[in-house]
N, C-alpha and C. Protein backbone atom coordinates (compact mmCIF):
# COMPACT_ATOMS: atom_id res chain seq x y z
N MET A 1 -5.89 -122.55 70.74
CA MET A 1 -6.21 -123.62 71.57
C MET A 1 -7.58 -122.71 72.82
N VAL A 2 -6.28 -121.76 73.24
CA VAL A 2 -6.63 -120.80 74.37
C VAL A 2 -7.74 -119.94 74.04
N LEU A 3 -7.62 -119.52 72.81
CA LEU A 3 -8.70 -118.28 72.24
C LEU A 3 -10.23 -119.49 72.26
N ASN A 4 -9.86 -120.68 71.86
CA ASN A 4 -11.35 -121.60 71.14
C ASN A 4 -11.59 -121.67 72.44
N LEU A 5 -11.01 -121.99 73.83
CA LEU A 5 -11.27 -122.18 75.39
C LEU A 5 -12.25 -121.11 75.63
N LEU A 6 -11.77 -119.81 75.29
CA LEU A 6 -12.17 -118.75 75.99
C LEU A 6 -13.47 -118.54 75.43
N CYS A 7 -13.76 -118.37 73.89
CA CYS A 7 -14.78 -118.57 73.42
C CYS A 7 -16.08 -119.22 73.40
N PHE A 8 -15.36 -121.07 73.76
CA PHE A 8 -16.44 -121.71 74.42
C PHE A 8 -17.15 -121.44 75.70
N TRP A 9 -16.27 -120.93 76.90
CA TRP A 9 -16.57 -120.33 77.98
C TRP A 9 -17.48 -119.19 78.09
N THR A 10 -17.30 -118.23 77.14
CA THR A 10 -17.69 -117.06 77.16
C THR A 10 -19.12 -116.93 75.93
N LYS A 11 -19.17 -117.64 75.21
CA LYS A 11 -20.16 -118.33 73.89
C LYS A 11 -20.37 -117.01 73.29
N GLN A 12 -18.88 -116.57 73.13
CA GLN A 12 -18.71 -115.53 71.96
C GLN A 12 -18.02 -115.81 70.41
N ARG A 13 -18.55 -115.09 69.69
CA ARG A 13 -17.96 -115.26 68.40
C ARG A 13 -16.37 -114.10 68.39
N GLU A 14 -16.79 -113.62 69.03
CA GLU A 14 -15.43 -112.53 69.09
C GLU A 14 -15.08 -112.03 70.36
N ILE A 15 -13.57 -111.76 70.79
CA ILE A 15 -13.04 -111.88 71.78
C ILE A 15 -12.68 -109.86 71.57
N PRO A 16 -12.63 -109.10 72.62
CA PRO A 16 -12.60 -108.10 72.15
C PRO A 16 -11.19 -107.95 73.12
N MET A 17 -9.73 -106.96 72.46
CA MET A 17 -8.91 -106.80 72.94
C MET A 17 -8.08 -105.64 72.83
N ARG A 18 -7.11 -105.24 74.02
CA ARG A 18 -7.13 -104.08 74.13
C ARG A 18 -5.42 -103.75 74.06
N MET A 19 -5.20 -103.44 73.03
CA MET A 19 -3.50 -103.40 72.58
C MET A 19 -3.06 -101.77 72.28
N SER A 20 -2.31 -101.08 73.07
CA SER A 20 -2.12 -99.72 72.91
C SER A 20 -3.47 -98.98 72.84
N GLY A 21 -4.27 -98.89 73.81
CA GLY A 21 -5.40 -98.12 74.13
C GLY A 21 -6.52 -97.90 73.39
N GLN A 22 -6.40 -98.82 72.33
CA GLN A 22 -7.15 -99.24 71.26
C GLN A 22 -8.06 -99.99 71.19
N ILE A 23 -9.06 -100.36 71.00
CA ILE A 23 -9.89 -101.82 71.06
C ILE A 23 -9.82 -102.19 69.63
N TYR A 24 -9.44 -103.47 69.98
CA TYR A 24 -9.48 -104.67 68.77
C TYR A 24 -10.44 -105.64 68.28
N ARG A 25 -11.20 -106.34 67.58
CA ARG A 25 -11.78 -107.26 68.14
C ARG A 25 -11.30 -108.45 67.54
N LEU A 26 -10.86 -109.74 68.00
CA LEU A 26 -10.59 -110.94 67.55
C LEU A 26 -11.63 -112.07 66.83
N SER A 27 -11.88 -112.36 65.98
CA SER A 27 -12.83 -112.92 65.59
C SER A 27 -12.30 -114.33 65.43
N LEU A 28 -13.05 -115.21 65.73
CA LEU A 28 -12.66 -116.44 65.94
C LEU A 28 -13.50 -117.79 65.15
N ALA A 29 -14.16 -116.81 64.37
CA ALA A 29 -15.33 -117.50 62.88
C ALA A 29 -13.83 -117.80 62.35
N GLY A 30 -13.65 -116.91 61.54
CA GLY A 30 -12.62 -116.74 60.53
C GLY A 30 -11.37 -117.34 61.18
N GLY A 31 -11.06 -117.40 62.10
CA GLY A 31 -9.40 -117.97 62.61
C GLY A 31 -8.62 -119.19 61.83
N ARG A 32 -7.52 -118.57 62.02
CA ARG A 32 -6.76 -119.83 60.90
C ARG A 32 -5.82 -120.90 61.68
N ALA A 33 -5.51 -122.02 61.21
CA ALA A 33 -5.34 -122.61 62.21
C ALA A 33 -4.06 -123.65 61.11
N PHE A 34 -3.21 -124.35 61.50
CA PHE A 34 -2.04 -125.03 61.01
C PHE A 34 -2.47 -126.29 59.84
N THR A 35 -2.10 -126.12 58.85
CA THR A 35 -2.35 -127.10 57.69
C THR A 35 -1.74 -128.50 57.93
N LEU A 36 -1.85 -129.28 57.49
CA LEU A 36 -0.97 -130.76 57.53
C LEU A 36 -0.16 -130.48 57.28
N VAL A 37 0.59 -130.04 56.38
CA VAL A 37 1.82 -129.88 55.61
C VAL A 37 2.53 -128.88 56.34
N GLU A 38 2.30 -128.04 56.95
CA GLU A 38 2.73 -127.38 58.33
C GLU A 38 3.18 -128.02 59.17
N VAL A 39 2.62 -128.85 59.61
CA VAL A 39 2.34 -130.24 61.14
C VAL A 39 3.47 -130.82 60.85
N LEU A 40 3.24 -131.66 59.43
CA LEU A 40 4.44 -132.19 59.03
C LEU A 40 5.89 -131.61 58.85
N VAL A 41 5.96 -130.36 58.33
CA VAL A 41 7.38 -129.83 58.16
C VAL A 41 7.95 -129.58 59.42
N SER A 42 7.22 -129.14 60.42
CA SER A 42 7.65 -129.23 61.76
C SER A 42 8.02 -130.30 62.48
N LEU A 43 7.22 -131.59 62.09
CA LEU A 43 7.57 -132.71 62.94
C LEU A 43 8.53 -132.96 62.48
N ALA A 44 8.85 -133.04 61.42
CA ALA A 44 10.34 -133.64 60.30
C ALA A 44 11.37 -132.81 60.99
N LEU A 45 11.22 -131.30 61.33
CA LEU A 45 12.38 -130.39 61.51
C LEU A 45 12.78 -130.79 63.24
N LEU A 46 11.62 -131.29 63.81
CA LEU A 46 11.76 -131.72 65.56
C LEU A 46 12.32 -133.06 65.05
N GLY A 47 12.55 -134.00 64.24
CA GLY A 47 12.99 -135.21 64.04
C GLY A 47 13.92 -135.49 63.83
N LEU A 48 14.77 -134.63 63.07
CA LEU A 48 15.96 -133.88 62.75
C LEU A 48 16.76 -133.57 64.04
N LEU A 49 16.18 -132.29 64.19
CA LEU A 49 16.80 -131.81 65.62
C LEU A 49 17.31 -132.95 66.75
N ALA A 50 16.23 -133.82 66.89
CA ALA A 50 16.38 -134.83 68.17
C ALA A 50 17.55 -135.74 67.44
N GLY A 51 17.45 -136.19 66.63
CA GLY A 51 18.26 -137.18 65.76
C GLY A 51 19.59 -136.57 66.09
N GLY A 52 20.06 -135.22 65.58
CA GLY A 52 21.05 -134.57 66.13
C GLY A 52 21.91 -134.31 67.11
N ILE A 53 20.32 -134.46 68.01
CA ILE A 53 21.15 -134.27 69.64
C ILE A 53 21.74 -135.49 69.93
N ILE A 54 20.94 -136.53 69.63
CA ILE A 54 21.43 -138.13 69.73
C ILE A 54 22.87 -138.54 69.35
N ALA A 55 22.79 -138.41 67.90
CA ALA A 55 24.29 -138.19 67.29
C ALA A 55 25.30 -137.82 68.29
N GLY A 56 24.91 -136.63 68.62
CA GLY A 56 26.12 -135.77 69.03
C GLY A 56 26.29 -136.32 70.57
N TYR A 57 25.51 -137.30 71.16
CA TYR A 57 25.67 -137.40 72.35
C TYR A 57 26.57 -138.80 72.10
N VAL A 58 25.97 -139.11 71.70
CA VAL A 58 26.79 -140.63 70.68
C VAL A 58 28.36 -140.51 70.34
N GLN A 59 28.37 -139.55 69.83
CA GLN A 59 29.68 -139.22 69.34
C GLN A 59 30.37 -138.92 70.37
N SER A 60 30.10 -137.79 71.19
CA SER A 60 30.68 -137.42 72.38
C SER A 60 31.27 -138.57 73.23
N ALA A 61 30.28 -139.45 73.76
CA ALA A 61 30.47 -140.76 74.63
C ALA A 61 31.84 -141.87 74.18
N ARG A 62 31.70 -141.71 72.88
CA ARG A 62 33.42 -142.94 71.85
C ARG A 62 34.02 -141.74 72.17
N PHE A 63 34.17 -140.57 71.55
CA PHE A 63 35.46 -139.86 71.87
C PHE A 63 35.77 -139.90 73.41
N ALA A 64 34.90 -139.97 74.46
CA ALA A 64 35.47 -140.25 75.73
C ALA A 64 36.10 -141.50 76.00
N ASP A 65 35.42 -142.51 75.26
CA ASP A 65 36.00 -143.96 75.76
C ASP A 65 36.97 -143.84 74.73
N TRP A 66 37.25 -143.34 73.95
CA TRP A 66 39.20 -143.27 73.00
C TRP A 66 39.63 -142.87 73.54
N GLN A 67 39.27 -141.64 74.30
CA GLN A 67 40.22 -140.87 75.14
C GLN A 67 40.80 -141.58 76.46
N ALA A 68 40.07 -142.50 77.06
CA ALA A 68 40.53 -143.23 78.25
C ALA A 68 41.46 -144.49 77.92
N HIS A 69 41.13 -145.46 76.82
CA HIS A 69 42.08 -145.70 75.90
C HIS A 69 43.16 -145.48 76.09
N SER A 70 43.26 -144.38 75.30
CA SER A 70 44.50 -143.57 74.92
C SER A 70 45.29 -143.58 75.91
N LEU A 71 44.91 -142.80 77.39
CA LEU A 71 45.14 -142.08 78.39
C LEU A 71 45.75 -143.70 79.40
N ALA A 72 44.76 -145.04 78.95
CA ALA A 72 45.64 -145.72 80.09
C ALA A 72 46.91 -146.46 79.28
N ALA A 73 46.85 -146.30 77.64
CA ALA A 73 47.84 -146.82 77.00
C ALA A 73 49.19 -145.80 77.04
N HIS A 74 49.11 -144.73 77.74
CA HIS A 74 50.27 -143.64 77.57
C HIS A 74 50.76 -144.17 79.10
N ALA A 75 49.92 -144.41 80.20
CA ALA A 75 50.13 -144.92 81.70
C ALA A 75 50.84 -146.08 81.30
N LEU A 76 50.27 -146.97 80.34
CA LEU A 76 51.14 -148.55 80.75
C LEU A 76 52.73 -148.04 79.83
N ALA A 77 52.93 -147.18 79.43
CA ALA A 77 54.00 -147.09 78.42
C ALA A 77 54.88 -146.14 79.47
N LEU A 78 54.48 -145.42 79.87
CA LEU A 78 55.32 -144.64 80.91
C LEU A 78 55.70 -145.83 82.35
N GLN A 79 54.97 -146.60 82.36
CA GLN A 79 55.05 -147.33 83.40
C GLN A 79 56.17 -148.26 82.89
N ARG A 80 56.64 -148.47 81.51
CA ARG A 80 57.48 -149.07 81.44
C ARG A 80 59.23 -148.41 81.05
N ILE A 81 58.70 -147.07 80.85
CA ILE A 81 59.75 -145.99 80.82
C ILE A 81 60.23 -146.19 82.07
N GLU A 82 59.55 -145.92 83.28
CA GLU A 82 60.32 -146.34 84.71
C GLU A 82 60.97 -147.22 84.91
N GLN A 83 60.48 -148.35 84.54
CA GLN A 83 60.91 -149.53 84.34
C GLN A 83 62.85 -149.60 84.07
N CYS A 84 62.77 -148.90 82.92
CA CYS A 84 63.92 -148.66 81.84
C CYS A 84 64.72 -147.88 83.21
N ARG A 85 64.06 -147.12 83.55
CA ARG A 85 65.20 -145.57 84.18
C ARG A 85 65.75 -146.21 85.34
N ALA A 86 64.67 -147.44 86.19
CA ALA A 86 65.32 -148.22 87.56
C ALA A 86 66.37 -149.04 86.69
N ALA A 87 66.42 -149.45 85.84
CA ALA A 87 67.36 -150.69 85.68
C ALA A 87 68.61 -149.64 85.77
N LYS A 88 69.74 -151.23 86.32
CA LYS A 88 70.95 -150.37 86.98
C LYS A 88 72.31 -151.01 86.14
N TRP A 89 72.95 -149.56 85.51
CA TRP A 89 73.77 -149.48 84.48
C TRP A 89 74.81 -148.44 85.20
N ASP A 90 75.60 -149.09 85.62
CA ASP A 90 76.99 -148.86 86.48
C ASP A 90 77.89 -149.19 85.26
N THR A 91 78.98 -148.00 84.96
CA THR A 91 80.03 -148.05 84.72
C THR A 91 81.09 -148.29 85.23
N ARG A 92 81.09 -147.50 86.32
CA ARG A 92 82.48 -147.36 87.24
C ARG A 92 82.65 -148.71 87.91
N ALA A 93 81.86 -149.48 88.18
CA ALA A 93 81.37 -150.67 89.00
C ALA A 93 82.50 -151.27 88.44
N SER A 94 82.98 -152.54 89.55
CA SER A 94 83.95 -153.77 89.15
C SER A 94 83.14 -154.91 89.02
N PRO A 95 82.64 -156.08 88.39
CA PRO A 95 82.82 -155.33 87.04
C PRO A 95 81.76 -154.60 86.61
N PRO A 96 81.44 -153.73 85.40
CA PRO A 96 80.43 -152.97 85.22
C PRO A 96 79.06 -153.69 84.82
N VAL A 97 78.34 -152.89 85.27
CA VAL A 97 76.66 -153.19 85.73
C VAL A 97 75.91 -153.07 84.03
N ASP A 98 75.45 -153.66 83.67
CA ASP A 98 74.11 -152.94 82.45
C ASP A 98 73.55 -154.14 82.57
N LEU A 99 71.99 -153.53 83.29
CA LEU A 99 70.70 -154.15 82.92
C LEU A 99 69.96 -153.40 81.88
N LEU A 100 70.18 -152.44 81.19
CA LEU A 100 69.36 -151.75 80.43
C LEU A 100 69.53 -152.20 78.95
N THR A 101 69.11 -153.02 78.58
CA THR A 101 69.41 -154.29 77.49
C THR A 101 68.36 -154.32 76.83
N ALA A 102 67.66 -154.40 75.57
CA ALA A 102 66.36 -155.05 75.70
C ALA A 102 66.22 -156.09 75.44
N ALA A 103 67.12 -156.99 75.65
CA ALA A 103 66.65 -158.06 76.22
C ALA A 103 66.22 -158.21 77.43
N ASN A 104 66.39 -157.18 78.48
CA ASN A 104 65.65 -157.27 79.68
C ASN A 104 64.53 -156.96 79.72
N PHE A 105 64.02 -156.00 78.42
CA PHE A 105 62.65 -155.84 78.14
C PHE A 105 61.99 -156.06 77.46
N PRO A 106 61.37 -157.54 77.38
CA PRO A 106 61.14 -158.20 76.00
C PRO A 106 59.63 -157.43 75.84
N ALA A 107 58.65 -157.81 74.43
CA ALA A 107 57.66 -157.61 74.39
C ALA A 107 56.58 -158.29 75.26
N VAL A 108 55.68 -157.43 76.20
CA VAL A 108 54.78 -158.02 77.01
C VAL A 108 53.75 -157.33 75.99
N THR A 109 52.10 -158.60 76.73
CA THR A 109 51.06 -158.17 76.44
C THR A 109 50.02 -157.83 77.85
N GLU A 110 49.57 -156.65 77.88
CA GLU A 110 49.21 -156.24 79.42
C GLU A 110 47.50 -155.55 79.22
N PRO A 111 46.65 -155.89 79.95
CA PRO A 111 45.13 -155.54 79.88
C PRO A 111 45.19 -153.64 79.75
N LEU A 112 44.54 -152.93 79.28
CA LEU A 112 44.80 -151.29 79.62
C LEU A 112 43.46 -151.39 80.85
N ASN A 113 43.89 -150.34 81.71
CA ASN A 113 43.46 -150.38 83.05
C ASN A 113 41.97 -149.14 82.60
N VAL A 114 41.06 -149.80 81.99
CA VAL A 114 40.09 -149.17 81.37
C VAL A 114 39.06 -149.59 82.02
N PRO A 115 37.79 -149.49 82.07
CA PRO A 115 36.63 -150.07 82.78
C PRO A 115 36.26 -150.88 81.87
N GLU A 116 35.89 -152.04 82.32
CA GLU A 116 35.06 -152.78 81.50
C GLU A 116 34.20 -153.71 82.06
N ALA A 117 33.63 -154.26 81.23
CA ALA A 117 32.09 -155.03 81.36
C ALA A 117 32.31 -156.43 80.74
N GLY A 118 31.85 -157.85 81.84
CA GLY A 118 32.40 -158.66 80.85
C GLY A 118 33.73 -159.48 80.54
N THR A 119 34.00 -159.60 79.51
CA THR A 119 35.29 -159.84 78.71
C THR A 119 35.54 -159.02 77.81
N ASN A 120 35.14 -157.90 78.18
CA ASN A 120 35.91 -157.00 76.55
C ASN A 120 37.10 -156.37 77.11
N ALA A 121 38.20 -156.89 77.78
CA ALA A 121 39.10 -156.08 78.19
C ALA A 121 39.27 -155.80 76.96
N THR A 122 40.73 -154.77 77.22
CA THR A 122 41.41 -154.48 75.83
C THR A 122 42.66 -154.37 76.14
N LEU A 123 42.73 -155.09 75.62
CA LEU A 123 44.83 -155.51 75.58
C LEU A 123 45.79 -154.85 74.87
N ALA A 124 46.95 -154.32 75.61
CA ALA A 124 47.98 -153.68 74.49
C ALA A 124 49.13 -154.27 74.79
N THR A 125 49.81 -154.11 73.86
CA THR A 125 50.92 -154.69 73.40
C THR A 125 52.51 -153.52 73.50
N LEU A 126 53.66 -153.78 74.95
CA LEU A 126 54.48 -152.97 74.70
C LEU A 126 55.48 -153.64 74.35
N TYR A 127 56.40 -152.87 73.59
CA TYR A 127 57.52 -152.82 72.68
C TYR A 127 58.33 -151.80 73.03
N THR A 128 59.98 -152.44 73.54
CA THR A 128 60.70 -151.32 74.18
C THR A 128 61.84 -151.67 73.05
N THR A 129 62.44 -150.83 73.18
CA THR A 129 63.42 -150.17 72.14
C THR A 129 64.43 -149.28 72.80
N ILE A 130 65.92 -149.72 72.78
CA ILE A 130 66.87 -149.00 73.64
C ILE A 130 68.19 -149.43 72.31
N SER A 131 68.70 -147.96 72.00
CA SER A 131 69.43 -147.80 71.57
C SER A 131 70.51 -146.74 72.29
N ASN A 132 71.58 -147.01 71.65
CA ASN A 132 73.25 -146.05 72.33
C ASN A 132 73.37 -145.05 71.40
N LEU A 133 73.07 -143.77 71.76
CA LEU A 133 73.16 -142.29 70.77
C LEU A 133 74.49 -142.17 70.63
N SER A 134 75.35 -142.57 72.26
CA SER A 134 76.61 -142.03 71.65
C SER A 134 77.46 -142.69 73.03
N PHE A 135 79.00 -142.75 72.39
CA PHE A 135 79.58 -143.50 73.53
C PHE A 135 80.82 -142.67 74.22
N ASN A 136 80.69 -141.21 74.00
CA ASN A 136 81.40 -140.50 74.91
C ASN A 136 80.96 -138.82 74.49
N PRO A 137 79.86 -138.52 75.70
CA PRO A 137 79.75 -139.74 77.09
C PRO A 137 78.56 -140.40 76.46
N LEU A 138 78.17 -141.45 77.31
CA LEU A 138 77.81 -142.70 77.34
C LEU A 138 76.38 -142.39 77.09
N LEU A 139 75.25 -142.21 76.38
CA LEU A 139 74.12 -141.73 76.52
C LEU A 139 72.96 -143.13 75.71
N ARG A 140 72.08 -143.37 75.85
CA ARG A 140 71.13 -144.59 75.15
C ARG A 140 69.66 -143.65 75.24
N MET A 141 68.86 -144.10 74.50
CA MET A 141 67.76 -143.47 74.01
C MET A 141 66.98 -144.80 74.18
N VAL A 142 65.72 -144.84 74.91
CA VAL A 142 64.50 -145.65 75.17
C VAL A 142 63.56 -145.34 74.80
N GLN A 143 62.60 -146.11 73.91
CA GLN A 143 61.86 -145.82 73.03
C GLN A 143 60.97 -146.61 73.47
N VAL A 144 59.39 -146.35 73.92
CA VAL A 144 58.61 -147.48 74.70
C VAL A 144 57.12 -147.19 73.67
N ASP A 145 56.89 -148.45 72.34
CA ASP A 145 55.60 -148.22 72.07
C ASP A 145 54.46 -149.14 72.44
N CYS A 146 53.38 -148.88 73.07
CA CYS A 146 52.00 -149.48 73.35
C CYS A 146 51.09 -149.70 72.16
N VAL A 147 50.63 -150.58 71.59
CA VAL A 147 49.98 -151.00 70.78
C VAL A 147 48.70 -151.22 71.40
N TRP A 148 47.68 -150.84 70.73
CA TRP A 148 46.40 -151.28 71.24
C TRP A 148 45.24 -150.98 70.15
N GLN A 149 44.12 -151.88 70.21
CA GLN A 149 43.07 -152.20 69.45
C GLN A 149 41.97 -151.21 70.13
N PHE A 150 41.13 -150.07 69.41
CA PHE A 150 39.97 -149.80 69.96
C PHE A 150 39.08 -150.38 69.83
N THR A 151 38.04 -150.22 70.23
CA THR A 151 36.61 -151.08 69.90
C THR A 151 36.20 -151.13 68.69
N ASP A 152 36.43 -150.44 67.89
CA ASP A 152 35.89 -150.28 66.48
C ASP A 152 36.73 -150.97 65.57
N GLY A 153 37.79 -151.57 65.99
CA GLY A 153 39.08 -152.40 65.36
C GLY A 153 40.41 -151.72 64.64
N ARG A 154 40.27 -150.32 65.40
CA ARG A 154 41.36 -149.62 64.40
C ARG A 154 42.37 -150.26 65.33
N TRP A 155 43.93 -149.78 65.14
CA TRP A 155 44.89 -150.05 65.71
C TRP A 155 45.66 -148.40 65.58
N PHE A 156 45.81 -148.50 67.67
CA PHE A 156 46.42 -146.87 67.56
C PHE A 156 48.09 -147.59 68.30
N THR A 157 49.28 -146.30 68.34
CA THR A 157 50.18 -146.61 68.98
C THR A 157 50.43 -145.38 69.62
N ASN A 158 51.10 -145.14 71.10
CA ASN A 158 51.10 -144.60 72.03
C ASN A 158 52.30 -145.05 72.08
N THR A 159 53.41 -143.46 71.98
CA THR A 159 54.75 -143.93 71.83
C THR A 159 55.51 -142.77 72.70
N VAL A 160 56.43 -143.27 73.58
CA VAL A 160 56.80 -142.37 74.42
C VAL A 160 58.80 -142.76 74.49
N VAL A 161 59.68 -141.71 74.67
CA VAL A 161 60.89 -141.53 74.21
C VAL A 161 61.67 -140.62 75.38
N THR A 162 62.96 -141.31 76.00
CA THR A 162 63.43 -140.74 77.09
C THR A 162 64.68 -141.15 76.51
N TYR A 163 65.63 -140.62 77.53
CA TYR A 163 67.35 -140.64 77.22
C TYR A 163 67.76 -141.00 78.97
N ARG A 164 68.77 -141.48 78.72
CA ARG A 164 69.24 -142.35 79.86
C ARG A 164 70.89 -142.41 79.68
N ALA A 165 71.36 -141.94 80.55
CA ALA A 165 72.85 -142.02 80.71
C ALA A 165 73.40 -143.08 81.79
N PRO A 166 74.51 -143.58 82.16
CA PRO A 166 74.81 -144.48 83.26
C PRO A 166 74.10 -143.83 84.63
N ASP A 167 74.16 -144.68 85.58
CA ASP A 167 74.24 -144.57 87.25
C ASP A 167 75.91 -143.85 87.57
N GLU A 168 76.25 -143.20 87.95
CA GLU A 168 77.95 -142.51 88.16
C GLU A 168 77.73 -142.35 90.39
């Protein structure tokens, strides 16, 4: 293209070029151009490259969205764990107080703390399981399962487990 313009401006058919001390003549009359097949192949490759870049961007955005949902579900499960850890369980009191029971922590459904637009809030259900592990010494296991559905319809569960002894 540049050579054609240069030829048009100089009204010459050959352009002298100096390379490594010798003068070469570049003939524009017998110059080669790209064939239609070469142009189509290069456009196809460019289309594949652009499609790959767009698909990669979409996949990374989707993965970031899933990460946000998973982190919000984990935070919700940790919140319920903290409620269980704060429950009064005092065996030395008269009468003994035991508020760390499964009946005090029923299954609840709450929205995940993720950005939303309109009515697309993601709801998560928290299931709390409290199990006696040992009676001497007293020890209980608290397990919280946070079950939530991603935008593609698949279900996921975030689980947090901790152990708890009575207040003393």
